[in-house]
Amino acid sequence: MLKPLGDRVIVAVADEEEKTVGGIVLASNAKEKPTTGKVVAAGPGVANHHGDVQPLTVKVDDTVMFDKYAGTNVSYEGNDYLVLHEKDLIAIVD
């Protein structure tokens, strides 16, 4: 598995629904970019000005919301992931 560095997290992006409420199937270019996913790996955190590592707020298996155009898409062992800085996360979904 990939191991993120610093304040980065690796997210498996949730697939968005392909149909609208009315049952109309959307073309792939008309779909909104997904903004939720599950954290599959988290870095150790970043060092503060004293040199102590500040751990991340999120942890593996958290479902998170993130900025629409944030992060870097990566593929690893046939799976697609999004690598984000913790600051690009909006919320943890309960």
N, C-alpha and C. Protein backbone atom coordinates (compact mmCIF):
# COMPACT_ATOMS: atom_id res chain seq x y z
N MET A 1 0.85 -1.19 0.00
CA MET A 1 0.00 0.00 0.00
C MET A 1 0.88 1.24 0.00
N LEU A 2 0.36 2.30 -0.51
CA LEU A 2 1.05 3.59 -0.49
C LEU A 2 1.08 4.14 0.93
N LYS A 3 2.17 4.80 1.29
CA LYS A 3 2.30 5.41 2.61
C LYS A 3 2.54 6.91 2.41
N PRO A 4 1.54 7.74 2.71
CA PRO A 4 1.69 9.18 2.50
C PRO A 4 2.67 9.81 3.49
N LEU A 5 3.26 10.90 3.07
CA LEU A 5 4.22 11.63 3.89
C LEU A 5 3.58 12.89 4.47
N GLY A 6 4.11 13.35 5.59
CA GLY A 6 3.67 14.61 6.18
C GLY A 6 2.19 14.64 6.49
N ASP A 7 1.53 15.70 6.04
CA ASP A 7 0.10 15.88 6.34
C ASP A 7 -0.80 15.41 5.20
N ARG A 8 -0.31 14.50 4.40
CA ARG A 8 -1.10 14.00 3.27
C ARG A 8 -1.93 12.79 3.68
N VAL A 9 -3.07 12.64 3.02
CA VAL A 9 -3.93 11.47 3.18
C VAL A 9 -4.24 10.91 1.81
N ILE A 10 -4.46 9.60 1.76
CA ILE A 10 -4.86 8.94 0.52
C ILE A 10 -6.32 8.54 0.68
N VAL A 11 -7.13 8.94 -0.29
CA VAL A 11 -8.58 8.74 -0.23
C VAL A 11 -9.03 7.90 -1.41
N ALA A 12 -9.84 6.88 -1.13
CA ALA A 12 -10.53 6.14 -2.18
C ALA A 12 -11.83 6.90 -2.42
N VAL A 13 -11.94 7.51 -3.59
CA VAL A 13 -13.06 8.40 -3.90
C VAL A 13 -14.32 7.57 -4.12
N ALA A 14 -15.42 8.03 -3.52
CA ALA A 14 -16.71 7.37 -3.67
C ALA A 14 -17.24 7.60 -5.08
N ASP A 15 -17.84 6.57 -5.66
CA ASP A 15 -18.46 6.71 -6.99
C ASP A 15 -19.75 7.50 -6.85
N GLU A 16 -19.93 8.45 -7.76
CA GLU A 16 -21.15 9.25 -7.75
C GLU A 16 -22.26 8.51 -8.48
N GLU A 17 -23.47 8.77 -8.10
CA GLU A 17 -24.65 8.19 -8.74
C GLU A 17 -24.71 8.61 -10.19
N GLU A 18 -25.02 7.67 -11.10
CA GLU A 18 -25.07 7.98 -12.51
C GLU A 18 -26.44 8.42 -12.98
N LYS A 19 -27.44 8.38 -12.10
CA LYS A 19 -28.79 8.78 -12.48
C LYS A 19 -29.24 9.95 -11.62
N THR A 20 -30.10 10.78 -12.20
CA THR A 20 -30.71 11.86 -11.43
C THR A 20 -31.90 11.31 -10.68
N VAL A 21 -32.54 12.14 -9.87
CA VAL A 21 -33.71 11.72 -9.12
C VAL A 21 -34.82 11.27 -10.06
N GLY A 22 -34.94 11.91 -11.21
CA GLY A 22 -35.96 11.55 -12.18
C GLY A 22 -35.63 10.31 -12.99
N GLY A 23 -34.47 9.70 -12.76
CA GLY A 23 -34.11 8.47 -13.44
C GLY A 23 -33.35 8.67 -14.74
N ILE A 24 -32.96 9.90 -15.06
CA ILE A 24 -32.23 10.17 -16.29
C ILE A 24 -30.76 9.77 -16.08
N VAL A 25 -30.23 9.00 -17.02
CA VAL A 25 -28.83 8.58 -16.94
C VAL A 25 -27.96 9.71 -17.46
N LEU A 26 -26.93 10.07 -16.68
CA LEU A 26 -26.05 11.17 -17.04
C LEU A 26 -24.84 10.66 -17.83
N ALA A 27 -24.43 11.44 -18.82
CA ALA A 27 -23.20 11.14 -19.54
C ALA A 27 -22.03 11.41 -18.61
N SER A 28 -20.91 10.74 -18.83
CA SER A 28 -19.77 10.87 -17.92
C SER A 28 -19.25 12.30 -17.84
N ASN A 29 -19.34 13.07 -18.92
CA ASN A 29 -18.84 14.44 -18.88
C ASN A 29 -19.83 15.40 -18.21
N ALA A 30 -21.05 14.97 -17.94
CA ALA A 30 -22.05 15.82 -17.29
C ALA A 30 -22.09 15.59 -15.78
N LYS A 31 -21.40 14.58 -15.30
CA LYS A 31 -21.42 14.27 -13.88
C LYS A 31 -20.56 15.25 -13.10
N GLU A 32 -20.97 15.52 -11.86
CA GLU A 32 -20.17 16.34 -10.96
C GLU A 32 -18.99 15.51 -10.48
N LYS A 33 -17.88 16.17 -10.21
CA LYS A 33 -16.72 15.49 -9.66
C LYS A 33 -17.05 15.09 -8.23
N PRO A 34 -16.77 13.84 -7.83
CA PRO A 34 -17.07 13.40 -6.46
C PRO A 34 -16.31 14.23 -5.43
N THR A 35 -16.93 14.42 -4.28
CA THR A 35 -16.29 15.21 -3.22
C THR A 35 -16.26 14.47 -1.89
N THR A 36 -16.52 13.17 -1.90
CA THR A 36 -16.43 12.37 -0.68
C THR A 36 -15.63 11.11 -0.96
N GLY A 37 -15.07 10.57 0.08
CA GLY A 37 -14.31 9.33 -0.05
C GLY A 37 -13.90 8.80 1.31
N LYS A 38 -13.24 7.65 1.27
CA LYS A 38 -12.81 6.97 2.49
C LYS A 38 -11.29 7.05 2.58
N VAL A 39 -10.79 7.45 3.74
CA VAL A 39 -9.35 7.54 3.96
C VAL A 39 -8.78 6.11 4.04
N VAL A 40 -7.83 5.79 3.17
CA VAL A 40 -7.21 4.47 3.18
C VAL A 40 -5.81 4.50 3.77
N ALA A 41 -5.20 5.69 3.86
CA ALA A 41 -3.89 5.84 4.48
C ALA A 41 -3.72 7.30 4.90
N ALA A 42 -3.00 7.51 5.98
CA ALA A 42 -2.75 8.87 6.48
C ALA A 42 -1.29 9.00 6.89
N GLY A 43 -0.71 10.15 6.59
CA GLY A 43 0.67 10.41 6.96
C GLY A 43 0.80 10.63 8.46
N PRO A 44 2.04 10.76 8.93
CA PRO A 44 2.27 10.92 10.37
C PRO A 44 1.92 12.31 10.91
N GLY A 45 1.84 13.30 10.04
CA GLY A 45 1.58 14.67 10.47
C GLY A 45 2.76 15.55 10.11
N VAL A 46 2.70 16.80 10.50
CA VAL A 46 3.78 17.74 10.19
C VAL A 46 4.42 18.25 11.47
N ALA A 47 5.66 18.64 11.36
CA ALA A 47 6.38 19.18 12.51
C ALA A 47 5.96 20.62 12.75
N ASN A 48 5.71 20.96 14.02
CA ASN A 48 5.39 22.35 14.36
C ASN A 48 6.69 23.14 14.54
N HIS A 49 6.60 24.38 14.95
CA HIS A 49 7.80 25.22 15.05
C HIS A 49 8.76 24.77 16.16
N HIS A 50 8.32 23.87 17.05
CA HIS A 50 9.20 23.32 18.08
C HIS A 50 9.84 22.00 17.63
N GLY A 51 9.44 21.52 16.46
CA GLY A 51 9.97 20.25 15.95
C GLY A 51 9.16 19.04 16.35
N ASP A 52 8.09 19.24 17.11
CA ASP A 52 7.22 18.13 17.49
C ASP A 52 6.26 17.83 16.34
N VAL A 53 5.98 16.55 16.11
CA VAL A 53 5.06 16.16 15.04
C VAL A 53 3.63 16.33 15.52
N GLN A 54 2.87 17.13 14.79
CA GLN A 54 1.44 17.36 15.07
C GLN A 54 0.66 16.30 14.30
N PRO A 55 0.03 15.33 14.98
CA PRO A 55 -0.69 14.27 14.26
C PRO A 55 -1.89 14.81 13.51
N LEU A 56 -2.32 14.06 12.50
CA LEU A 56 -3.48 14.46 11.70
C LEU A 56 -4.77 14.25 12.48
N THR A 57 -5.79 15.00 12.11
CA THR A 57 -7.11 14.87 12.72
C THR A 57 -7.84 13.65 12.20
N VAL A 58 -7.65 13.34 10.91
CA VAL A 58 -8.33 12.20 10.30
C VAL A 58 -7.51 10.93 10.48
N LYS A 59 -8.21 9.79 10.39
CA LYS A 59 -7.53 8.50 10.50
C LYS A 59 -8.09 7.56 9.44
N VAL A 60 -7.43 6.45 9.26
CA VAL A 60 -7.85 5.45 8.28
C VAL A 60 -9.28 5.02 8.58
N ASP A 61 -10.06 4.83 7.53
CA ASP A 61 -11.48 4.42 7.54
C ASP A 61 -12.45 5.57 7.80
N ASP A 62 -11.96 6.80 8.03
CA ASP A 62 -12.87 7.95 8.11
C ASP A 62 -13.42 8.25 6.72
N THR A 63 -14.69 8.61 6.65
CA THR A 63 -15.27 9.11 5.42
C THR A 63 -15.17 10.62 5.48
N VAL A 64 -14.60 11.21 4.43
CA VAL A 64 -14.33 12.64 4.45
C VAL A 64 -14.92 13.34 3.23
N MET A 65 -15.14 14.64 3.38
CA MET A 65 -15.51 15.52 2.27
C MET A 65 -14.30 16.37 1.98
N PHE A 66 -14.08 16.67 0.69
CA PHE A 66 -12.91 17.45 0.31
C PHE A 66 -13.27 18.44 -0.77
N ASP A 67 -12.38 19.43 -0.98
CA ASP A 67 -12.58 20.43 -2.03
C ASP A 67 -12.68 19.74 -3.39
N LYS A 68 -13.55 20.26 -4.23
CA LYS A 68 -13.85 19.63 -5.52
C LYS A 68 -12.63 19.44 -6.41
N TYR A 69 -11.74 20.41 -6.47
CA TYR A 69 -10.60 20.32 -7.38
C TYR A 69 -9.27 20.14 -6.66
N ALA A 70 -9.32 19.64 -5.43
CA ALA A 70 -8.11 19.46 -4.64
C ALA A 70 -7.46 18.11 -4.93
N GLY A 71 -6.19 18.01 -4.61
CA GLY A 71 -5.50 16.74 -4.63
C GLY A 71 -4.93 16.33 -5.97
N THR A 72 -4.26 15.19 -5.93
CA THR A 72 -3.62 14.60 -7.10
C THR A 72 -4.14 13.20 -7.29
N ASN A 73 -4.62 12.90 -8.49
CA ASN A 73 -5.10 11.55 -8.80
C ASN A 73 -3.92 10.64 -9.04
N VAL A 74 -3.93 9.46 -8.41
CA VAL A 74 -2.89 8.45 -8.62
C VAL A 74 -3.54 7.09 -8.80
N SER A 75 -2.84 6.23 -9.55
CA SER A 75 -3.26 4.84 -9.70
C SER A 75 -2.19 3.96 -9.09
N TYR A 76 -2.61 2.96 -8.34
CA TYR A 76 -1.67 2.05 -7.70
C TYR A 76 -2.30 0.67 -7.65
N GLU A 77 -1.62 -0.30 -8.21
CA GLU A 77 -2.09 -1.69 -8.25
C GLU A 77 -3.52 -1.80 -8.78
N GLY A 78 -3.81 -1.04 -9.83
CA GLY A 78 -5.11 -1.12 -10.48
C GLY A 78 -6.23 -0.34 -9.81
N ASN A 79 -5.94 0.38 -8.75
CA ASN A 79 -6.95 1.18 -8.05
C ASN A 79 -6.62 2.65 -8.19
N ASP A 80 -7.66 3.48 -8.24
CA ASP A 80 -7.47 4.93 -8.34
C ASP A 80 -7.70 5.56 -6.98
N TYR A 81 -6.81 6.49 -6.64
CA TYR A 81 -6.87 7.19 -5.35
C TYR A 81 -6.67 8.68 -5.58
N LEU A 82 -6.98 9.45 -4.55
CA LEU A 82 -6.74 10.88 -4.54
C LEU A 82 -5.83 11.17 -3.34
N VAL A 83 -4.71 11.85 -3.59
CA VAL A 83 -3.79 12.22 -2.52
C VAL A 83 -4.02 13.70 -2.21
N LEU A 84 -4.34 13.98 -0.94
CA LEU A 84 -4.69 15.33 -0.51
C LEU A 84 -3.88 15.74 0.71
N HIS A 85 -3.70 17.05 0.88
CA HIS A 85 -3.21 17.58 2.14
C HIS A 85 -4.40 17.65 3.09
N GLU A 86 -4.16 17.51 4.36
CA GLU A 86 -5.26 17.56 5.33
C GLU A 86 -6.02 18.88 5.23
N LYS A 87 -5.35 19.98 4.89
CA LYS A 87 -6.02 21.28 4.79
C LYS A 87 -7.06 21.32 3.68
N ASP A 88 -6.99 20.38 2.70
CA ASP A 88 -7.97 20.32 1.62
C ASP A 88 -9.23 19.55 2.02
N LEU A 89 -9.22 18.95 3.19
CA LEU A 89 -10.40 18.25 3.67
C LEU A 89 -11.35 19.24 4.32
N ILE A 90 -12.63 19.07 4.06
CA ILE A 90 -13.65 19.98 4.59
C ILE A 90 -14.26 19.46 5.88
N ALA A 91 -14.55 18.14 5.91
CA ALA A 91 -15.24 17.58 7.07
C ALA A 91 -15.07 16.07 7.12
N ILE A 92 -15.28 15.54 8.31
CA ILE A 92 -15.39 14.10 8.49
C ILE A 92 -16.88 13.79 8.56
N VAL A 93 -17.33 12.83 7.76
CA VAL A 93 -18.74 12.47 7.72
C VAL A 93 -19.00 11.36 8.74
N ASP A 94 -19.95 11.60 9.64
CA ASP A 94 -20.31 10.59 10.66
C ASP A 94 -21.31 9.62 10.11
